[in-house]
Amino acid sequence: MKQCRVLLVEDSPEDQQAVCDTLSAKGYSVTTISDSERALNTVEDWAKQYNFVIIQEVMHGHSGMDLVHKVRSRRKDLPILVVTRDGDWNGYARALSEGAVDYFQTPVDCKKLVKTVENSLTSTA
């Protein structure tokens, strides 16, 4: 079985650690980017390298939704999960309309995270 590569775009060290620990324990290879500007500027480089992307909705410097939009314009099949600290209906609706597979509020429910990643990867395989 090919190892699944997950990219986490998140500026909170605590949230990064929780997601990395959860997914690494399930055998996923997780790479983190904590700078939204860098993530936006390097989409061309990383969009084809990963099987799943998790993006923080609001980060210093940019909206995570800008990144979701940019990723979607380059790779329509890449599953994206948007996470937020301030979940609301408008954010949820926008994330899904931009092509995210789901929208979670932090702290992320670990079991739900793993299930979402597994289901998304199964449906895109």
PDB file of N, CA and C in Angstrom:
ATOM      1  N   MET A   1       0.840  -1.183   0.000  1.00  0.00           N
ATOM      2  CA  MET A   1       0.000   0.000   0.000  1.00  0.00           C
ATOM      3  C   MET A   1       0.884   1.245   0.000  1.00  0.00           C
ATOM      4  N   LYS A   2       0.598   2.180  -0.893  1.00  0.00           N
ATOM      5  CA  LYS A   2       1.339   3.425  -0.991  1.00  0.00           C
ATOM      6  C   LYS A   2       1.039   4.303   0.224  1.00  0.00           C
ATOM      7  N   GLN A   3       2.086   4.924   0.777  1.00  0.00           N
ATOM      8  CA  GLN A   3       1.879   5.767   1.948  1.00  0.00           C
ATOM      9  C   GLN A   3       1.160   7.046   1.549  1.00  0.00           C
ATOM     10  N   CYS A   4       0.181   7.421   2.343  1.00  0.00           N
ATOM     11  CA  CYS A   4      -0.587   8.628   2.096  1.00  0.00           C
ATOM     12  C   CYS A   4       0.145   9.827   2.670  1.00  0.00           C
ATOM     13  N   ARG A   5       0.254  10.879   1.879  1.00  0.00           N
ATOM     14  CA  ARG A   5       0.937  12.094   2.299  1.00  0.00           C
ATOM     15  C   ARG A   5      -0.100  13.188   2.545  1.00  0.00           C
ATOM     16  N   VAL A   6      -0.084  13.736   3.758  1.00  0.00           N
ATOM     17  CA  VAL A   6      -1.017  14.781   4.165  1.00  0.00           C
ATOM     18  C   VAL A   6      -0.242  16.066   4.386  1.00  0.00           C
ATOM     19  N   LEU A   7      -0.773  17.177   3.865  1.00  0.00           N
ATOM     20  CA  LEU A   7      -0.202  18.494   4.125  1.00  0.00           C
ATOM     21  C   LEU A   7      -1.134  19.222   5.075  1.00  0.00           C
ATOM     22  N   LEU A   8      -0.572  19.751   6.144  1.00  0.00           N
ATOM     23  CA  LEU A   8      -1.330  20.519   7.133  1.00  0.00           C
ATOM     24  C   LEU A   8      -0.848  21.963   7.082  1.00  0.00           C
ATOM     25  N   VAL A   9      -1.746  22.883   6.725  1.00  0.00           N
ATOM     26  CA  VAL A   9      -1.439  24.313   6.701  1.00  0.00           C
ATOM     27  C   VAL A   9      -2.130  24.913   7.916  1.00  0.00           C
ATOM     28  N   GLU A  10      -1.345  25.121   8.960  1.00  0.00           N
ATOM     29  CA  GLU A  10      -1.880  25.510  10.273  1.00  0.00           C
ATOM     30  C   GLU A  10      -0.826  26.322  11.014  1.00  0.00           C
ATOM     31  N   ASP A  11      -1.237  27.455  11.601  1.00  0.00           N
ATOM     32  CA  ASP A  11      -0.255  28.298  12.294  1.00  0.00           C
ATOM     33  C   ASP A  11      -0.204  28.098  13.812  1.00  0.00           C
ATOM     34  N   SER A  12      -1.073  27.283  14.364  1.00  0.00           N
ATOM     35  CA  SER A  12      -1.057  27.004  15.796  1.00  0.00           C
ATOM     36  C   SER A  12      -0.207  25.762  16.072  1.00  0.00           C
ATOM     37  N   PRO A  13       0.901  25.909  16.816  1.00  0.00           N
ATOM     38  CA  PRO A  13       1.743  24.740  17.123  1.00  0.00           C
ATOM     39  C   PRO A  13       0.977  23.635  17.850  1.00  0.00           C
ATOM     40  N   GLU A  14       0.066  23.999  18.725  1.00  0.00           N
ATOM     41  CA  GLU A  14      -0.710  22.989  19.468  1.00  0.00           C
ATOM     42  C   GLU A  14      -1.616  22.200  18.536  1.00  0.00           C
ATOM     43  N   ASP A  15      -2.312  22.923  17.645  1.00  0.00           N
ATOM     44  CA  ASP A  15      -3.203  22.238  16.709  1.00  0.00           C
ATOM     45  C   ASP A  15      -2.398  21.407  15.707  1.00  0.00           C
ATOM     46  N   GLN A  16      -1.246  21.921  15.273  1.00  0.00           N
ATOM     47  CA  GLN A  16      -0.363  21.145  14.392  1.00  0.00           C
ATOM     48  C   GLN A  16       0.013  19.825  15.046  1.00  0.00           C
ATOM     49  N   GLN A  17       0.445  19.901  16.296  1.00  0.00           N
ATOM     50  CA  GLN A  17       0.900  18.706  17.000  1.00  0.00           C
ATOM     51  C   GLN A  17      -0.215  17.678  17.145  1.00  0.00           C
ATOM     52  N   ALA A  18      -1.414  18.143  17.512  1.00  0.00           N
ATOM     53  CA  ALA A  18      -2.540  17.225  17.702  1.00  0.00           C
ATOM     54  C   ALA A  18      -2.885  16.492  16.408  1.00  0.00           C
ATOM     55  N   VAL A  19      -2.939  17.218  15.309  1.00  0.00           N
ATOM     56  CA  VAL A  19      -3.268  16.598  14.018  1.00  0.00           C
ATOM     57  C   VAL A  19      -2.142  15.665  13.573  1.00  0.00           C
ATOM     58  N   CYS A  20      -0.906  16.117  13.693  1.00  0.00           N
ATOM     59  CA  CYS A  20       0.238  15.280  13.308  1.00  0.00           C
ATOM     60  C   CYS A  20       0.277  13.986  14.107  1.00  0.00           C
ATOM     61  N   ASP A  21       0.105  14.089  15.415  1.00  0.00           N
ATOM     62  CA  ASP A  21       0.121  12.895  16.266  1.00  0.00           C
ATOM     63  C   ASP A  21      -0.980  11.917  15.866  1.00  0.00           C
ATOM     64  N   THR A  22      -2.179  12.441  15.644  1.00  0.00           N
ATOM     65  CA  THR A  22      -3.327  11.605  15.294  1.00  0.00           C
ATOM     66  C   THR A  22      -3.104  10.873  13.980  1.00  0.00           C
ATOM     67  N   LEU A  23      -2.707  11.615  12.947  1.00  0.00           N
ATOM     68  CA  LEU A  23      -2.558  10.998  11.632  1.00  0.00           C
ATOM     69  C   LEU A  23      -1.306  10.135  11.523  1.00  0.00           C
ATOM     70  N   SER A  24      -0.233  10.550  12.176  1.00  0.00           N
ATOM     71  CA  SER A  24       0.992   9.740  12.161  1.00  0.00           C
ATOM     72  C   SER A  24       0.760   8.390  12.824  1.00  0.00           C
ATOM     73  N   ALA A  25      -0.033   8.375  13.881  1.00  0.00           N
ATOM     74  CA  ALA A  25      -0.344   7.120  14.574  1.00  0.00           C
ATOM     75  C   ALA A  25      -1.102   6.154  13.668  1.00  0.00           C
ATOM     76  N   LYS A  26      -1.774   6.683  12.662  1.00  0.00           N
ATOM     77  CA  LYS A  26      -2.511   5.847  11.711  1.00  0.00           C
ATOM     78  C   LYS A  26      -1.698   5.534  10.454  1.00  0.00           C
ATOM     79  N   GLY A  27      -0.425   5.946  10.442  1.00  0.00           N
ATOM     80  CA  GLY A  27       0.454   5.605   9.337  1.00  0.00           C
ATOM     81  C   GLY A  27       0.569   6.643   8.238  1.00  0.00           C
ATOM     82  N   TYR A  28      -0.045   7.792   8.423  1.00  0.00           N
ATOM     83  CA  TYR A  28       0.046   8.849   7.416  1.00  0.00           C
ATOM     84  C   TYR A  28       1.327   9.646   7.601  1.00  0.00           C
ATOM     85  N   SER A  29       1.895  10.101   6.505  1.00  0.00           N
ATOM     86  CA  SER A  29       3.048  10.988   6.536  1.00  0.00           C
ATOM     87  C   SER A  29       2.507  12.415   6.496  1.00  0.00           C
ATOM     88  N   VAL A  30       2.806  13.205   7.529  1.00  0.00           N
ATOM     89  CA  VAL A  30       2.239  14.556   7.638  1.00  0.00           C
ATOM     90  C   VAL A  30       3.353  15.594   7.557  1.00  0.00           C
ATOM     91  N   THR A  31       3.163  16.564   6.676  1.00  0.00           N
ATOM     92  CA  THR A  31       4.059  17.704   6.534  1.00  0.00           C
ATOM     93  C   THR A  31       3.273  18.946   6.935  1.00  0.00           C
ATOM     94  N   THR A  32       3.927  19.870   7.630  1.00  0.00           N
ATOM     95  CA  THR A  32       3.234  21.081   8.058  1.00  0.00           C
ATOM     96  C   THR A  32       3.844  22.319   7.416  1.00  0.00           C
ATOM     97  N   ILE A  33       2.983  23.280   7.153  1.00  0.00           N
ATOM     98  CA  ILE A  33       3.380  24.630   6.753  1.00  0.00           C
ATOM     99  C   ILE A  33       2.631  25.565   7.689  1.00  0.00           C
ATOM    100  N   SER A  34       3.363  26.427   8.392  1.00  0.00           N
ATOM    101  CA  SER A  34       2.713  27.318   9.336  1.00  0.00           C
ATOM    102  C   SER A  34       2.577  28.747   8.826  1.00  0.00           C
ATOM    103  N   ASP A  35       3.045  29.003   7.625  1.00  0.00           N
ATOM    104  CA  ASP A  35       3.020  30.340   7.043  1.00  0.00           C
ATOM    105  C   ASP A  35       2.093  30.335   5.825  1.00  0.00           C
ATOM    106  N   SER A  36       0.970  31.034   5.932  1.00  0.00           N
ATOM    107  CA  SER A  36      -0.015  31.029   4.847  1.00  0.00           C
ATOM    108  C   SER A  36       0.542  31.635   3.564  1.00  0.00           C
ATOM    109  N   GLU A  37       1.392  32.632   3.682  1.00  0.00           N
ATOM    110  CA  GLU A  37       2.007  33.252   2.505  1.00  0.00           C
ATOM    111  C   GLU A  37       2.861  32.228   1.752  1.00  0.00           C
ATOM    112  N   ARG A  38       3.653  31.474   2.501  1.00  0.00           N
ATOM    113  CA  ARG A  38       4.486  30.434   1.886  1.00  0.00           C
ATOM    114  C   ARG A  38       3.612  29.365   1.229  1.00  0.00           C
ATOM    115  N   ALA A  39       2.543  28.979   1.910  1.00  0.00           N
ATOM    116  CA  ALA A  39       1.642  27.974   1.349  1.00  0.00           C
ATOM    117  C   ALA A  39       1.032  28.456   0.038  1.00  0.00           C
ATOM    118  N   LEU A  40       0.589  29.713   0.010  1.00  0.00           N
ATOM    119  CA  LEU A  40       0.014  30.271  -1.213  1.00  0.00           C
ATOM    120  C   LEU A  40       1.037  30.334  -2.345  1.00  0.00           C
ATOM    121  N   ASN A  41       2.234  30.755  -2.005  1.00  0.00           N
ATOM    122  CA  ASN A  41       3.266  30.946  -3.028  1.00  0.00           C
ATOM    123  C   ASN A  41       3.871  29.649  -3.543  1.00  0.00           C
ATOM    124  N   THR A  42       3.661  28.562  -2.841  1.00  0.00           N
ATOM    125  CA  THR A  42       4.272  27.293  -3.255  1.00  0.00           C
ATOM    126  C   THR A  42       3.248  26.229  -3.650  1.00  0.00           C
ATOM    127  N   VAL A  43       2.007  26.640  -3.873  1.00  0.00           N
ATOM    128  CA  VAL A  43       0.968  25.672  -4.259  1.00  0.00           C
ATOM    129  C   VAL A  43       1.421  24.851  -5.459  1.00  0.00           C
ATOM    130  N   GLU A  44       2.030  25.497  -6.435  1.00  0.00           N
ATOM    131  CA  GLU A  44       2.481  24.784  -7.640  1.00  0.00           C
ATOM    132  C   GLU A  44       3.415  23.630  -7.270  1.00  0.00           C
ATOM    133  N   ASP A  45       4.251  23.844  -6.270  1.00  0.00           N
ATOM    134  CA  ASP A  45       5.238  22.838  -5.861  1.00  0.00           C
ATOM    135  C   ASP A  45       4.616  21.672  -5.105  1.00  0.00           C
ATOM    136  N   TRP A  46       3.672  21.950  -4.224  1.00  0.00           N
ATOM    137  CA  TRP A  46       3.197  20.884  -3.351  1.00  0.00           C
ATOM    138  C   TRP A  46       1.860  20.269  -3.739  1.00  0.00           C
ATOM    139  N   ALA A  47       1.060  20.908  -4.549  1.00  0.00           N
ATOM    140  CA  ALA A  47      -0.293  20.408  -4.837  1.00  0.00           C
ATOM    141  C   ALA A  47      -0.295  18.990  -5.411  1.00  0.00           C
ATOM    142  N   LYS A  48       0.717  18.627  -6.168  1.00  0.00           N
ATOM    143  CA  LYS A  48       0.755  17.289  -6.775  1.00  0.00           C
ATOM    144  C   LYS A  48       1.423  16.255  -5.883  1.00  0.00           C
ATOM    145  N   GLN A  49       2.048  16.694  -4.793  1.00  0.00           N
ATOM    146  CA  GLN A  49       2.790  15.781  -3.926  1.00  0.00           C
ATOM    147  C   GLN A  49       1.945  15.135  -2.836  1.00  0.00           C
ATOM    148  N   TYR A  50       0.777  15.689  -2.558  1.00  0.00           N
ATOM    149  CA  TYR A  50      -0.003  15.246  -1.404  1.00  0.00           C
ATOM    150  C   TYR A  50      -1.311  14.586  -1.821  1.00  0.00           C
ATOM    151  N   ASN A  51      -1.807  13.716  -0.925  1.00  0.00           N
ATOM    152  CA  ASN A  51      -3.058  13.013  -1.156  1.00  0.00           C
ATOM    153  C   ASN A  51      -4.231  13.665  -0.436  1.00  0.00           C
ATOM    154  N   PHE A  52      -3.920  14.515   0.547  1.00  0.00           N
ATOM    155  CA  PHE A  52      -4.965  15.143   1.370  1.00  0.00           C
ATOM    156  C   PHE A  52      -4.368  16.421   1.959  1.00  0.00           C
ATOM    157  N   VAL A  53      -5.172  17.484   2.041  1.00  0.00           N
ATOM    158  CA  VAL A  53      -4.710  18.749   2.600  1.00  0.00           C
ATOM    159  C   VAL A  53      -5.691  19.226   3.662  1.00  0.00           C
ATOM    160  N   ILE A  54      -5.125  19.704   4.770  1.00  0.00           N
ATOM    161  CA  ILE A  54      -5.916  20.302   5.839  1.00  0.00           C
ATOM    162  C   ILE A  54      -5.481  21.759   5.942  1.00  0.00           C
ATOM    163  N   ILE A  55      -6.442  22.678   5.847  1.00  0.00           N
ATOM    164  CA  ILE A  55      -6.133  24.103   5.822  1.00  0.00           C
ATOM    165  C   ILE A  55      -6.897  24.830   6.919  1.00  0.00           C
ATOM    166  N   GLN A  56      -6.173  25.614   7.710  1.00  0.00           N
ATOM    167  CA  GLN A  56      -6.785  26.470   8.728  1.00  0.00           C
ATOM    168  C   GLN A  56      -7.526  27.594   8.011  1.00  0.00           C
ATOM    169  N   GLU A  57      -8.772  27.849   8.403  1.00  0.00           N
ATOM    170  CA  GLU A  57      -9.596  28.846   7.714  1.00  0.00           C
ATOM    171  C   GLU A  57      -9.035  30.264   7.840  1.00  0.00           C
ATOM    172  N   VAL A  58      -8.579  30.650   9.016  1.00  0.00           N
ATOM    173  CA  VAL A  58      -8.055  31.997   9.226  1.00  0.00           C
ATOM    174  C   VAL A  58      -6.641  31.884   9.771  1.00  0.00           C
ATOM    175  N   MET A  59      -5.689  32.419   8.997  1.00  0.00           N
ATOM    176  CA  MET A  59      -4.288  32.399   9.407  1.00  0.00           C
ATOM    177  C   MET A  59      -3.738  33.816   9.298  1.00  0.00           C
ATOM    178  N   HIS A  60      -2.637  34.057   9.969  1.00  0.00           N
ATOM    179  CA  HIS A  60      -1.995  35.358   9.870  1.00  0.00           C
ATOM    180  C   HIS A  60      -1.663  35.656   8.412  1.00  0.00           C
ATOM    181  N   GLY A  61      -2.163  36.748   7.908  1.00  0.00           N
ATOM    182  CA  GLY A  61      -1.810  37.167   6.561  1.00  0.00           C
ATOM    183  C   GLY A  61      -2.823  36.841   5.490  1.00  0.00           C
ATOM    184  N   HIS A  62      -3.493  35.704   5.576  1.00  0.00           N
ATOM    185  CA  HIS A  62      -4.411  35.305   4.509  1.00  0.00           C
ATOM    186  C   HIS A  62      -5.578  34.503   5.061  1.00  0.00           C
ATOM    187  N   SER A  63      -6.617  34.498   4.285  1.00  0.00           N
ATOM    188  CA  SER A  63      -7.723  33.598   4.550  1.00  0.00           C
ATOM    189  C   SER A  63      -7.347  32.228   3.999  1.00  0.00           C
ATOM    190  N   GLY A  64      -7.600  31.210   4.779  1.00  0.00           N
ATOM    191  CA  GLY A  64      -7.369  29.857   4.286  1.00  0.00           C
ATOM    192  C   GLY A  64      -8.231  29.549   3.075  1.00  0.00           C
ATOM    193  N   MET A  65      -9.352  30.253   2.964  1.00  0.00           N
ATOM    194  CA  MET A  65     -10.237  30.036   1.820  1.00  0.00           C
ATOM    195  C   MET A  65      -9.578  30.494   0.524  1.00  0.00           C
ATOM    196  N   ASP A  66      -8.691  31.503   0.596  1.00  0.00           N
ATOM    197  CA  ASP A  66      -7.924  31.897  -0.594  1.00  0.00           C
ATOM    198  C   ASP A  66      -7.053  30.730  -1.055  1.00  0.00           C
ATOM    199  N   LEU A  67      -6.486  30.032  -0.085  1.00  0.00           N
ATOM    200  CA  LEU A  67      -5.637  28.886  -0.405  1.00  0.00           C
ATOM    201  C   LEU A  67      -6.471  27.736  -0.970  1.00  0.00           C
ATOM    202  N   VAL A  68      -7.635  27.491  -0.385  1.00  0.00           N
ATOM    203  CA  VAL A  68      -8.525  26.446  -0.910  1.00  0.00           C
ATOM    204  C   VAL A  68      -8.848  26.740  -2.374  1.00  0.00           C
ATOM    205  N   HIS A  69      -9.198  27.981  -2.652  1.00  0.00           N
ATOM    206  CA  HIS A  69      -9.542  28.388  -4.018  1.00  0.00           C
ATOM    207  C   HIS A  69      -8.360  28.170  -4.970  1.00  0.00           C
ATOM    208  N   LYS A  70      -7.175  28.553  -4.534  1.00  0.00           N
ATOM    209  CA  LYS A  70      -5.993  28.406  -5.386  1.00  0.00           C
ATOM    210  C   LYS A  70      -5.664  26.928  -5.635  1.00  0.00           C
ATOM    211  N   VAL A  71      -5.789  26.110  -4.599  1.00  0.00           N
ATOM    212  CA  VAL A  71      -5.547  24.668  -4.764  1.00  0.00           C
ATOM    213  C   VAL A  71      -6.559  24.088  -5.753  1.00  0.00           C
ATOM    214  N   ARG A  72      -7.825  24.444  -5.589  1.00  0.00           N
ATOM    215  CA  ARG A  72      -8.884  23.931  -6.469  1.00  0.00           C
ATOM    216  C   ARG A  72      -8.636  24.310  -7.926  1.00  0.00           C
ATOM    217  N   SER A  73      -8.069  25.489  -8.163  1.00  0.00           N
ATOM    218  CA  SER A  73      -7.812  25.906  -9.543  1.00  0.00           C
ATOM    219  C   SER A  73      -6.679  25.098 -10.172  1.00  0.00           C
ATOM    220  N   ARG A  74      -5.858  24.439  -9.344  1.00  0.00           N
ATOM    221  CA  ARG A  74      -4.757  23.634  -9.848  1.00  0.00           C
ATOM    222  C   ARG A  74      -5.028  22.139  -9.829  1.00  0.00           C
ATOM    223  N   ARG A  75      -5.809  21.721  -8.849  1.00  0.00           N
ATOM    224  CA  ARG A  75      -6.040  20.278  -8.705  1.00  0.00           C
ATOM    225  C   ARG A  75      -7.416  20.037  -8.097  1.00  0.00           C
ATOM    226  N   LYS A  76      -8.350  19.691  -8.922  1.00  0.00           N
ATOM    227  CA  LYS A  76      -9.747  19.538  -8.489  1.00  0.00           C
ATOM    228  C   LYS A  76     -10.005  18.275  -7.669  1.00  0.00           C
ATOM    229  N   ASP A  77      -9.140  17.261  -7.810  1.00  0.00           N
ATOM    230  CA  ASP A  77      -9.374  15.978  -7.152  1.00  0.00           C
ATOM    231  C   ASP A  77      -8.751  15.872  -5.756  1.00  0.00           C
ATOM    232  N   LEU A  78      -8.008  16.869  -5.318  1.00  0.00           N
ATOM    233  CA  LEU A  78      -7.313  16.798  -4.032  1.00  0.00           C
ATOM    234  C   LEU A  78      -8.291  17.065  -2.891  1.00  0.00           C
ATOM    235  N   PRO A  79      -8.507  16.087  -2.001  1.00  0.00           N
ATOM    236  CA  PRO A  79      -9.412  16.313  -0.872  1.00  0.00           C
ATOM    237  C   PRO A  79      -8.836  17.360   0.090  1.00  0.00           C
ATOM    238  N   ILE A  80      -9.681  18.327   0.452  1.00  0.00           N
ATOM    239  CA  ILE A  80      -9.279  19.403   1.355  1.00  0.00           C
ATOM    240  C   ILE A  80     -10.256  19.459   2.509  1.00  0.00           C
ATOM    241  N   LEU A  81      -9.702  19.517   3.714  1.00  0.00           N
ATOM    242  CA  LEU A  81     -10.490  19.717   4.927  1.00  0.00           C
ATOM    243  C   LEU A  81     -10.143  21.101   5.455  1.00  0.00           C
ATOM    244  N   VAL A  82     -11.159  21.900   5.774  1.00  0.00           N
ATOM    245  CA  VAL A  82     -10.946  23.221   6.352  1.00  0.00           C
ATOM    246  C   VAL A  82     -11.239  23.129   7.844  1.00  0.00           C
ATOM    247  N   VAL A  83     -10.321  23.666   8.657  1.00  0.00           N
ATOM    248  CA  VAL A  83     -10.531  23.716  10.105  1.00  0.00           C
ATOM    249  C   VAL A  83     -10.593  25.171  10.541  1.00  0.00           C
ATOM    250  N   THR A  84     -11.352  25.422  11.600  1.00  0.00           N
ATOM    251  CA  THR A  84     -11.556  26.789  12.061  1.00  0.00           C
ATOM    252  C   THR A  84     -11.606  26.848  13.577  1.00  0.00           C
ATOM    253  N   ARG A  85     -11.246  27.981  14.087  1.00  0.00           N
ATOM    254  CA  ARG A  85     -11.378  28.226  15.529  1.00  0.00           C
ATOM    255  C   ARG A  85     -12.735  28.828  15.850  1.00  0.00           C
ATOM    256  N   ASP A  86     -13.359  29.469  14.875  1.00  0.00           N
ATOM    257  CA  ASP A  86     -14.615  30.207  15.084  1.00  0.00           C
ATOM    258  C   ASP A  86     -15.714  29.698  14.165  1.00  0.00           C
ATOM    259  N   GLY A  87     -15.962  28.422  14.163  1.00  0.00           N
ATOM    260  CA  GLY A  87     -16.918  27.847  13.221  1.00  0.00           C
ATOM    261  C   GLY A  87     -18.259  28.545  13.189  1.00  0.00           C
ATOM    262  N   ASP A  88     -18.715  28.839  11.999  1.00  0.00           N
ATOM    263  CA  ASP A  88     -20.053  29.395  11.808  1.00  0.00           C
ATOM    264  C   ASP A  88     -20.623  28.869  10.496  1.00  0.00           C
ATOM    265  N   TRP A  89     -21.901  29.081  10.316  1.00  0.00           N
ATOM    266  CA  TRP A  89     -22.590  28.557   9.144  1.00  0.00           C
ATOM    267  C   TRP A  89     -22.016  29.124   7.852  1.00  0.00           C
ATOM    268  N   ASN A  90     -21.705  30.426   7.820  1.00  0.00           N
ATOM    269  CA  ASN A  90     -21.175  31.041   6.600  1.00  0.00           C
ATOM    270  C   ASN A  90     -19.831  30.431   6.205  1.00  0.00           C
ATOM    271  N   GLY A  91     -18.956  30.210   7.191  1.00  0.00           N
ATOM    272  CA  GLY A  91     -17.671  29.586   6.909  1.00  0.00           C
ATOM    273  C   GLY A  91     -17.841  28.177   6.382  1.00  0.00           C
ATOM    274  N   TYR A  92     -18.754  27.441   6.990  1.00  0.00           N
ATOM    275  CA  TYR A  92     -19.040  26.071   6.560  1.00  0.00           C
ATOM    276  C   TYR A  92     -19.535  26.064   5.117  1.00  0.00           C
ATOM    277  N   ALA A  93     -20.502  26.926   4.821  1.00  0.00           N
ATOM    278  CA  ALA A  93     -21.079  26.991   3.480  1.00  0.00           C
ATOM    279  C   ALA A  93     -20.021  27.392   2.455  1.00  0.00           C
ATOM    280  N   ARG A  94     -19.183  28.364   2.792  1.00  0.00           N
ATOM    281  CA  ARG A  94     -18.151  28.807   1.855  1.00  0.00           C
ATOM    282  C   ARG A  94     -17.126  27.704   1.603  1.00  0.00           C
ATOM    283  N   ALA A  95     -16.704  27.018   2.679  1.00  0.00           N
ATOM    284  CA  ALA A  95     -15.722  25.941   2.521  1.00  0.00           C
ATOM    285  C   ALA A  95     -16.244  24.872   1.571  1.00  0.00           C
ATOM    286  N   LEU A  96     -17.475  24.464   1.770  1.00  0.00           N
ATOM    287  CA  LEU A  96     -18.042  23.421   0.907  1.00  0.00           C
ATOM    288  C   LEU A  96     -18.241  23.930  -0.519  1.00  0.00           C
ATOM    289  N   SER A  97     -18.641  25.200  -0.668  1.00  0.00           N
ATOM    290  CA  SER A  97     -18.835  25.733  -2.023  1.00  0.00           C
ATOM    291  C   SER A  97     -17.509  25.874  -2.767  1.00  0.00           C
ATOM    292  N   GLU A  98     -16.409  26.049  -2.032  1.00  0.00           N
ATOM    293  CA  GLU A  98     -15.080  26.131  -2.654  1.00  0.00           C
ATOM    294  C   GLU A  98     -14.510  24.744  -2.957  1.00  0.00           C
ATOM    295  N   GLY A  99     -15.181  23.687  -2.476  1.00  0.00           N
ATOM    296  CA  GLY A  99     -14.752  22.341  -2.813  1.00  0.00           C
ATOM    297  C   GLY A  99     -14.133  21.543  -1.679  1.00  0.00           C
ATOM    298  N   ALA A 100     -14.213  22.046  -0.447  1.00  0.00           N
ATOM    299  CA  ALA A 100     -13.701  21.281   0.691  1.00  0.00           C
ATOM    300  C   ALA A 100     -14.588  20.063   0.931  1.00  0.00           C
ATOM    301  N   VAL A 101     -13.977  18.984   1.428  1.00  0.00           N
ATOM    302  CA  VAL A 101     -14.753  17.777   1.727  1.00  0.00           C
ATOM    303  C   VAL A 101     -15.481  17.900   3.058  1.00  0.00           C
ATOM    304  N   ASP A 102     -14.966  18.758   3.945  1.00  0.00           N
ATOM    305  CA  ASP A 102     -15.628  18.972   5.236  1.00  0.00           C
ATOM    306  C   ASP A 102     -15.032  20.199   5.904  1.00  0.00           C
ATOM    307  N   TYR A 103     -15.609  20.558   7.048  1.00  0.00           N
ATOM    308  CA  TYR A 103     -15.264  21.773   7.781  1.00  0.00           C
ATOM    309  C   TYR A 103     -15.359  21.424   9.261  1.00  0.00           C
ATOM    310  N   PHE A 104     -14.221  21.459   9.971  1.00  0.00           N
ATOM    311  CA  PHE A 104     -14.187  21.095  11.387  1.00  0.00           C
ATOM    312  C   PHE A 104     -13.839  22.304  12.232  1.00  0.00           C
ATOM    313  N   GLN A 105     -14.360  22.299  13.439  1.00  0.00           N
ATOM    314  CA  GLN A 105     -13.958  23.314  14.415  1.00  0.00           C
ATOM    315  C   GLN A 105     -12.883  22.715  15.321  1.00  0.00           C
ATOM    316  N   THR A 106     -11.884  23.540  15.688  1.00  0.00           N
ATOM    317  CA  THR A 106     -10.849  23.084  16.608  1.00  0.00           C
ATOM    318  C   THR A 106     -11.324  23.257  18.036  1.00  0.00           C
ATOM    319  N   PRO A 107     -10.872  22.414  18.933  1.00  0.00           N
ATOM    320  CA  PRO A 107      -9.956  21.299  18.692  1.00  0.00           C
ATOM    321  C   PRO A 107     -10.646  20.206  17.867  1.00  0.00           C
ATOM    322  N   VAL A 108      -9.895  19.636  16.965  1.00  0.00           N
ATOM    323  CA  VAL A 108     -10.412  18.638  16.038  1.00  0.00           C
ATOM    324  C   VAL A 108     -10.684  17.336  16.769  1.00  0.00           C
ATOM    325  N   ASP A 109     -11.830  16.744  16.485  1.00  0.00           N
ATOM    326  CA  ASP A 109     -12.190  15.428  17.002  1.00  0.00           C
ATOM    327  C   ASP A 109     -11.338  14.412  16.240  1.00  0.00           C
ATOM    328  N   CYS A 110     -10.432  13.753  16.940  1.00  0.00           N
ATOM    329  CA  CYS A 110      -9.450  12.855  16.305  1.00  0.00           C
ATOM    330  C   CYS A 110     -10.094  11.714  15.529  1.00  0.00           C
ATOM    331  N   LYS A 111     -11.109  11.093  16.096  1.00  0.00           N
ATOM    332  CA  LYS A 111     -11.769   9.977  15.408  1.00  0.00           C
ATOM    333  C   LYS A 111     -12.449  10.453  14.129  1.00  0.00           C
ATOM    334  N   LYS A 112     -13.099  11.608  14.212  1.00  0.00           N
ATOM    335  CA  LYS A 112     -13.777  12.174  13.044  1.00  0.00           C
ATOM    336  C   LYS A 112     -12.754  12.562  11.970  1.00  0.00           C
ATOM    337  N   LEU A 113     -11.608  13.083  12.395  1.00  0.00           N
ATOM    338  CA  LEU A 113     -10.551  13.459  11.455  1.00  0.00           C
ATOM    339  C   LEU A 113     -10.067  12.237  10.675  1.00  0.00           C
ATOM    340  N   VAL A 114      -9.734  11.181  11.387  1.00  0.00           N
ATOM    341  CA  VAL A 114      -9.240   9.961  10.734  1.00  0.00           C
ATOM    342  C   VAL A 114     -10.296   9.406   9.786  1.00  0.00           C
ATOM    343  N   LYS A 115     -11.534   9.369  10.214  1.00  0.00           N
ATOM    344  CA  LYS A 115     -12.619   8.845   9.372  1.00  0.00           C
ATOM    345  C   LYS A 115     -12.783   9.695   8.108  1.00  0.00           C
ATOM    346  N   THR A 116     -12.697  11.013   8.240  1.00  0.00           N
ATOM    347  CA  THR A 116     -12.824  11.903   7.081  1.00  0.00           C
ATOM    348  C   THR A 116     -11.690  11.685   6.095  1.00  0.00           C
ATOM    349  N   VAL A 117     -10.467  11.582   6.603  1.00  0.00           N
ATOM    350  CA  VAL A 117      -9.311  11.341   5.729  1.00  0.00           C
ATOM    351  C   VAL A 117      -9.470   9.995   5.031  1.00  0.00           C
ATOM    352  N   GLU A 118      -9.770   8.956   5.776  1.00  0.00           N
ATOM    353  CA  GLU A 118      -9.912   7.618   5.191  1.00  0.00           C
ATOM    354  C   GLU A 118     -11.021   7.579   4.145  1.00  0.00           C
ATOM    355  N   ASN A 119     -12.178   8.148   4.472  1.00  0.00           N
ATOM    356  CA  ASN A 119     -13.298   8.140   3.522  1.00  0.00           C
ATOM    357  C   ASN A 119     -12.967   8.931   2.255  1.00  0.00           C
ATOM    358  N   SER A 120     -12.305  10.062   2.413  1.00  0.00           N
ATOM    359  CA  SER A 120     -11.956  10.891   1.255  1.00  0.00           C
ATOM    360  C   SER A 120     -10.962  10.176   0.358  1.00  0.00           C
ATOM    361  N   LEU A 121      -9.991   9.517   0.952  1.00  0.00           N
ATOM    362  CA  LEU A 121      -8.984   8.815   0.165  1.00  0.00           C
ATOM    363  C   LEU A 121      -9.551   7.593  -0.527  1.00  0.00           C
ATOM    364  N   THR A 122     -10.485   6.942   0.126  1.00  0.00           N
ATOM    365  CA  THR A 122     -11.150   5.780  -0.476  1.00  0.00           C
ATOM    366  C   THR A 122     -11.976   6.204  -1.680  1.00  0.00           C
ATOM    367  N   SER A 123     -12.662   7.341  -1.563  1.00  0.00           N
ATOM    368  CA  SER A 123     -13.526   7.785  -2.653  1.00  0.00           C
ATOM    369  C   SER A 123     -12.746   8.370  -3.828  1.00  0.00           C
ATOM    370  N   THR A 124     -11.474   8.777  -3.609  1.00  0.00           N
ATOM    371  CA  THR A 124     -10.673   9.317  -4.707  1.00  0.00           C
ATOM    372  C   THR A 124      -9.700   8.294  -5.284  1.00  0.00           C
ATOM    373  N   ALA A 125      -9.679   7.101  -4.686  1.00  0.00           N
ATOM    374  CA  ALA A 125      -8.741   6.064  -5.167  1.00  0.00           C
ATOM    375  C   ALA A 125      -9.192   5.457  -6.469  1.00  0.00           C
TER     376      ALA A 125
END
